[in-house]
């Protein structure tokens, strides 16, 4: 179950560097959960959210950019994907 959830999450986010950050956070959550049970899981999830919210990418944008600060045009570009016109229809 956990592996299926992780695989779906890995393929659903578009940022390559954010994928590596999530892999690191996932390992941290697994270690905290094994050490402190449910309280470690809760602390790991909160810590993961805070780290992602307060760090910046290499381009000095927040990982949560289209949402915080909210930009509707970029939000639509990230979350609603359009068909690529350069790919030929089969």
N, C-alpha and C. Protein backbone atom coordinates (compact mmCIF):
# COMPACT_ATOMS: atom_id res chain seq x y z
N UNK A 1 0.83 -1.19 0.00
CA UNK A 1 0.00 0.00 0.00
C UNK A 1 0.87 1.25 0.00
N UNK A 2 1.87 1.30 0.87
CA UNK A 2 2.74 2.46 0.96
C UNK A 2 3.50 2.67 -0.35
N UNK A 3 4.01 1.60 -0.92
CA UNK A 3 4.77 1.70 -2.17
C UNK A 3 3.90 2.20 -3.31
N UNK A 4 2.66 1.77 -3.37
CA UNK A 4 1.75 2.23 -4.42
C UNK A 4 1.48 3.72 -4.27
N UNK A 5 1.26 4.17 -3.06
CA UNK A 5 1.02 5.60 -2.80
C UNK A 5 2.24 6.42 -3.19
N UNK A 6 3.42 5.95 -2.84
CA UNK A 6 4.66 6.65 -3.17
C UNK A 6 4.87 6.70 -4.68
N UNK A 7 4.59 5.62 -5.39
CA UNK A 7 4.77 5.59 -6.84
C UNK A 7 3.84 6.58 -7.53
N UNK A 8 2.60 6.65 -7.10
CA UNK A 8 1.66 7.60 -7.69
C UNK A 8 2.10 9.02 -7.40
N UNK A 9 2.54 9.28 -6.18
CA UNK A 9 3.01 10.61 -5.83
C UNK A 9 4.25 11.00 -6.60
N UNK A 10 5.14 10.06 -6.84
CA UNK A 10 6.38 10.33 -7.56
C UNK A 10 6.09 10.76 -9.00
N UNK A 11 5.16 10.10 -9.66
CA UNK A 11 4.86 10.41 -11.05
C UNK A 11 3.89 11.58 -11.21
N UNK A 12 3.25 12.02 -10.16
CA UNK A 12 2.27 13.10 -10.29
C UNK A 12 2.86 14.48 -10.08
N UNK A 13 4.05 14.59 -9.50
CA UNK A 13 4.64 15.92 -9.31
C UNK A 13 5.65 16.19 -10.42
N UNK A 14 5.63 17.41 -10.98
CA UNK A 14 6.44 17.69 -12.17
C UNK A 14 7.89 18.09 -11.91
N UNK A 15 8.25 18.45 -10.70
CA UNK A 15 9.58 18.98 -10.43
C UNK A 15 10.56 17.85 -10.11
N UNK A 16 11.66 17.81 -10.84
CA UNK A 16 12.67 16.78 -10.66
C UNK A 16 13.36 16.90 -9.31
N UNK A 17 13.74 18.12 -8.95
CA UNK A 17 14.44 18.32 -7.68
C UNK A 17 13.50 18.13 -6.48
N UNK A 18 12.23 18.43 -6.65
CA UNK A 18 11.27 18.19 -5.58
C UNK A 18 11.12 16.68 -5.34
N UNK A 19 11.27 15.87 -6.38
CA UNK A 19 11.21 14.42 -6.24
C UNK A 19 12.30 13.90 -5.32
N UNK A 20 13.52 14.44 -5.46
CA UNK A 20 14.61 14.04 -4.57
C UNK A 20 14.36 14.51 -3.14
N UNK A 21 13.80 15.68 -2.99
CA UNK A 21 13.49 16.18 -1.66
C UNK A 21 12.45 15.27 -0.99
N UNK A 22 11.44 14.85 -1.75
CA UNK A 22 10.42 13.97 -1.18
C UNK A 22 10.99 12.60 -0.83
N UNK A 23 11.95 12.10 -1.62
CA UNK A 23 12.57 10.81 -1.28
C UNK A 23 13.30 10.91 0.06
N UNK A 24 14.04 12.00 0.25
CA UNK A 24 14.74 12.21 1.51
C UNK A 24 13.75 12.33 2.67
N UNK A 25 12.68 13.06 2.46
CA UNK A 25 11.68 13.23 3.52
C UNK A 25 10.97 11.92 3.83
N UNK A 26 10.73 11.11 2.80
CA UNK A 26 10.07 9.82 3.02
C UNK A 26 10.93 8.92 3.89
N UNK A 27 12.24 8.91 3.66
CA UNK A 27 13.14 8.12 4.49
C UNK A 27 13.14 8.64 5.92
N UNK A 28 13.13 9.98 6.08
CA UNK A 28 13.10 10.56 7.41
C UNK A 28 11.81 10.19 8.16
N UNK A 29 10.69 10.21 7.46
CA UNK A 29 9.42 9.83 8.08
C UNK A 29 9.44 8.35 8.48
N UNK A 30 9.98 7.48 7.63
CA UNK A 30 10.06 6.06 7.96
C UNK A 30 10.92 5.82 9.20
N UNK A 31 12.04 6.51 9.31
CA UNK A 31 12.91 6.35 10.48
C UNK A 31 12.22 6.87 11.74
N UNK A 32 11.62 8.06 11.66
CA UNK A 32 10.91 8.61 12.83
C UNK A 32 9.74 7.72 13.25
N UNK A 33 9.03 7.17 12.27
CA UNK A 33 7.91 6.28 12.59
C UNK A 33 8.39 5.01 13.26
N UNK A 34 9.51 4.47 12.80
CA UNK A 34 10.02 3.23 13.42
C UNK A 34 10.52 3.49 14.84
N UNK A 35 11.01 4.69 15.10
CA UNK A 35 11.52 5.00 16.43
C UNK A 35 10.43 5.40 17.42
N UNK A 36 9.46 6.20 16.95
CA UNK A 36 8.48 6.79 17.88
C UNK A 36 7.03 6.47 17.54
N UNK A 37 6.77 5.48 16.71
CA UNK A 37 5.44 5.04 16.34
C UNK A 37 4.61 6.19 15.75
N UNK A 38 3.37 6.34 16.20
CA UNK A 38 2.46 7.33 15.61
C UNK A 38 2.96 8.76 15.84
N UNK A 39 3.59 9.02 16.97
CA UNK A 39 4.09 10.37 17.26
C UNK A 39 5.25 10.72 16.34
N UNK A 40 6.06 9.76 15.99
CA UNK A 40 7.13 10.00 15.04
C UNK A 40 6.59 10.28 13.65
N UNK A 41 5.52 9.58 13.27
CA UNK A 41 4.89 9.82 11.97
C UNK A 41 4.31 11.23 11.92
N UNK A 42 3.61 11.62 12.96
CA UNK A 42 3.02 12.97 13.01
C UNK A 42 4.11 14.04 12.96
N UNK A 43 5.16 13.86 13.75
CA UNK A 43 6.26 14.83 13.75
C UNK A 43 6.95 14.87 12.39
N UNK A 44 7.12 13.73 11.75
CA UNK A 44 7.76 13.68 10.43
C UNK A 44 6.95 14.38 9.36
N UNK A 45 5.64 14.19 9.38
CA UNK A 45 4.78 14.85 8.40
C UNK A 45 4.80 16.36 8.60
N UNK A 46 4.71 16.79 9.84
CA UNK A 46 4.76 18.23 10.13
C UNK A 46 6.11 18.80 9.73
N UNK A 47 7.17 18.11 10.06
CA UNK A 47 8.52 18.56 9.70
C UNK A 47 8.69 18.60 8.18
N UNK A 48 8.18 17.61 7.48
CA UNK A 48 8.27 17.58 6.03
C UNK A 48 7.54 18.78 5.42
N UNK A 49 6.35 19.06 5.90
CA UNK A 49 5.60 20.20 5.36
C UNK A 49 6.34 21.51 5.61
N UNK A 50 6.88 21.68 6.80
CA UNK A 50 7.59 22.92 7.11
C UNK A 50 8.86 23.09 6.27
N UNK A 51 9.59 22.01 6.06
CA UNK A 51 10.81 22.10 5.25
C UNK A 51 10.47 22.44 3.81
N UNK A 52 9.46 21.81 3.25
CA UNK A 52 9.07 22.09 1.87
C UNK A 52 8.53 23.52 1.75
N UNK A 53 7.78 23.97 2.74
CA UNK A 53 7.18 25.31 2.68
C UNK A 53 8.22 26.41 2.78
N UNK A 54 9.30 26.21 3.54
CA UNK A 54 10.25 27.28 3.78
C UNK A 54 11.52 27.23 2.94
N UNK A 55 11.73 26.18 2.15
CA UNK A 55 12.92 26.10 1.30
C UNK A 55 12.62 26.67 -0.08
N UNK A 56 13.68 27.00 -0.78
CA UNK A 56 13.57 27.55 -2.13
C UNK A 56 14.26 26.62 -3.13
N UNK A 57 13.84 26.70 -4.38
CA UNK A 57 14.46 25.92 -5.44
C UNK A 57 15.74 26.62 -5.90
N UNK A 58 16.41 26.04 -6.88
CA UNK A 58 17.61 26.67 -7.42
C UNK A 58 17.31 27.99 -8.12
N UNK A 59 16.08 28.17 -8.56
CA UNK A 59 15.68 29.42 -9.22
C UNK A 59 15.14 30.44 -8.22
N UNK A 60 15.30 30.16 -6.95
CA UNK A 60 14.87 31.05 -5.85
C UNK A 60 13.36 31.25 -5.79
N UNK A 61 12.60 30.25 -6.21
CA UNK A 61 11.17 30.26 -6.03
C UNK A 61 10.82 29.23 -4.96
N UNK A 62 9.71 29.42 -4.32
CA UNK A 62 9.24 28.47 -3.33
C UNK A 62 8.76 27.19 -4.02
N UNK A 63 8.88 26.05 -3.36
CA UNK A 63 8.35 24.82 -3.92
C UNK A 63 6.83 24.89 -4.06
N UNK A 64 6.20 25.72 -3.25
CA UNK A 64 4.75 25.87 -3.29
C UNK A 64 4.33 27.09 -4.10
N UNK A 65 5.16 27.52 -5.08
CA UNK A 65 4.98 28.80 -5.75
C UNK A 65 3.59 29.06 -6.32
N UNK A 66 3.01 28.22 -7.13
CA UNK A 66 1.72 28.66 -7.70
C UNK A 66 0.64 28.83 -6.63
N UNK A 67 0.85 28.19 -5.48
CA UNK A 67 -0.15 28.28 -4.42
C UNK A 67 0.18 29.40 -3.44
N UNK A 68 1.45 29.49 -3.02
CA UNK A 68 1.88 30.52 -2.07
C UNK A 68 3.08 31.22 -2.66
N UNK A 69 3.09 32.46 -3.06
CA UNK A 69 1.93 33.35 -3.26
C UNK A 69 1.12 32.89 -4.46
N UNK A 70 -0.18 33.07 -4.39
CA UNK A 70 -1.09 32.53 -5.40
C UNK A 70 -0.96 33.29 -6.71
N UNK A 71 -0.77 32.55 -7.80
CA UNK A 71 -0.72 33.10 -9.15
C UNK A 71 -1.59 32.19 -10.01
N UNK A 72 -2.76 32.70 -10.40
CA UNK A 72 -3.74 31.86 -11.09
C UNK A 72 -3.22 31.32 -12.41
N UNK A 73 -2.53 32.16 -13.20
CA UNK A 73 -2.04 31.74 -14.50
C UNK A 73 -1.04 30.59 -14.38
N UNK A 74 -0.09 30.71 -13.47
CA UNK A 74 0.89 29.64 -13.27
C UNK A 74 0.26 28.42 -12.59
N UNK A 75 -0.73 28.64 -11.75
CA UNK A 75 -1.46 27.54 -11.11
C UNK A 75 -2.11 26.66 -12.17
N UNK A 76 -2.76 27.30 -13.14
CA UNK A 76 -3.42 26.55 -14.21
C UNK A 76 -2.39 25.80 -15.05
N UNK A 77 -1.23 26.43 -15.32
CA UNK A 77 -0.18 25.76 -16.10
C UNK A 77 0.33 24.50 -15.42
N UNK A 78 0.47 24.55 -14.10
CA UNK A 78 1.02 23.41 -13.36
C UNK A 78 -0.01 22.30 -13.15
N UNK A 79 -1.23 22.66 -12.80
CA UNK A 79 -2.20 21.65 -12.38
C UNK A 79 -3.16 21.20 -13.48
N UNK A 80 -3.25 21.94 -14.58
CA UNK A 80 -4.09 21.52 -15.70
C UNK A 80 -3.19 21.42 -16.91
N UNK A 81 -2.94 20.21 -17.34
CA UNK A 81 -2.02 19.99 -18.45
C UNK A 81 -2.79 19.94 -19.76
N UNK A 82 -2.18 20.54 -20.77
CA UNK A 82 -2.79 20.56 -22.10
C UNK A 82 -2.06 19.56 -22.99
N UNK A 83 -2.74 19.12 -24.03
CA UNK A 83 -2.14 18.18 -24.97
C UNK A 83 -1.04 18.88 -25.75
N UNK A 84 0.06 18.21 -25.94
CA UNK A 84 1.19 18.76 -26.66
C UNK A 84 0.90 18.70 -28.16
N UNK A 85 0.84 19.85 -28.85
CA UNK A 85 0.49 19.83 -30.27
C UNK A 85 1.60 19.29 -31.17
N UNK A 86 2.83 19.20 -30.68
CA UNK A 86 3.92 18.71 -31.53
C UNK A 86 3.93 17.19 -31.66
N UNK A 87 3.22 16.50 -30.79
CA UNK A 87 3.15 15.03 -30.86
C UNK A 87 2.07 14.64 -31.84
N UNK A 88 2.41 13.84 -32.81
CA UNK A 88 1.46 13.42 -33.84
C UNK A 88 0.43 12.46 -33.24
N UNK A 89 -0.79 12.60 -33.70
CA UNK A 89 -1.86 11.69 -33.25
C UNK A 89 -1.70 10.35 -33.97
N UNK A 90 -1.83 9.29 -33.21
CA UNK A 90 -1.73 7.95 -33.78
C UNK A 90 -3.09 7.35 -33.92
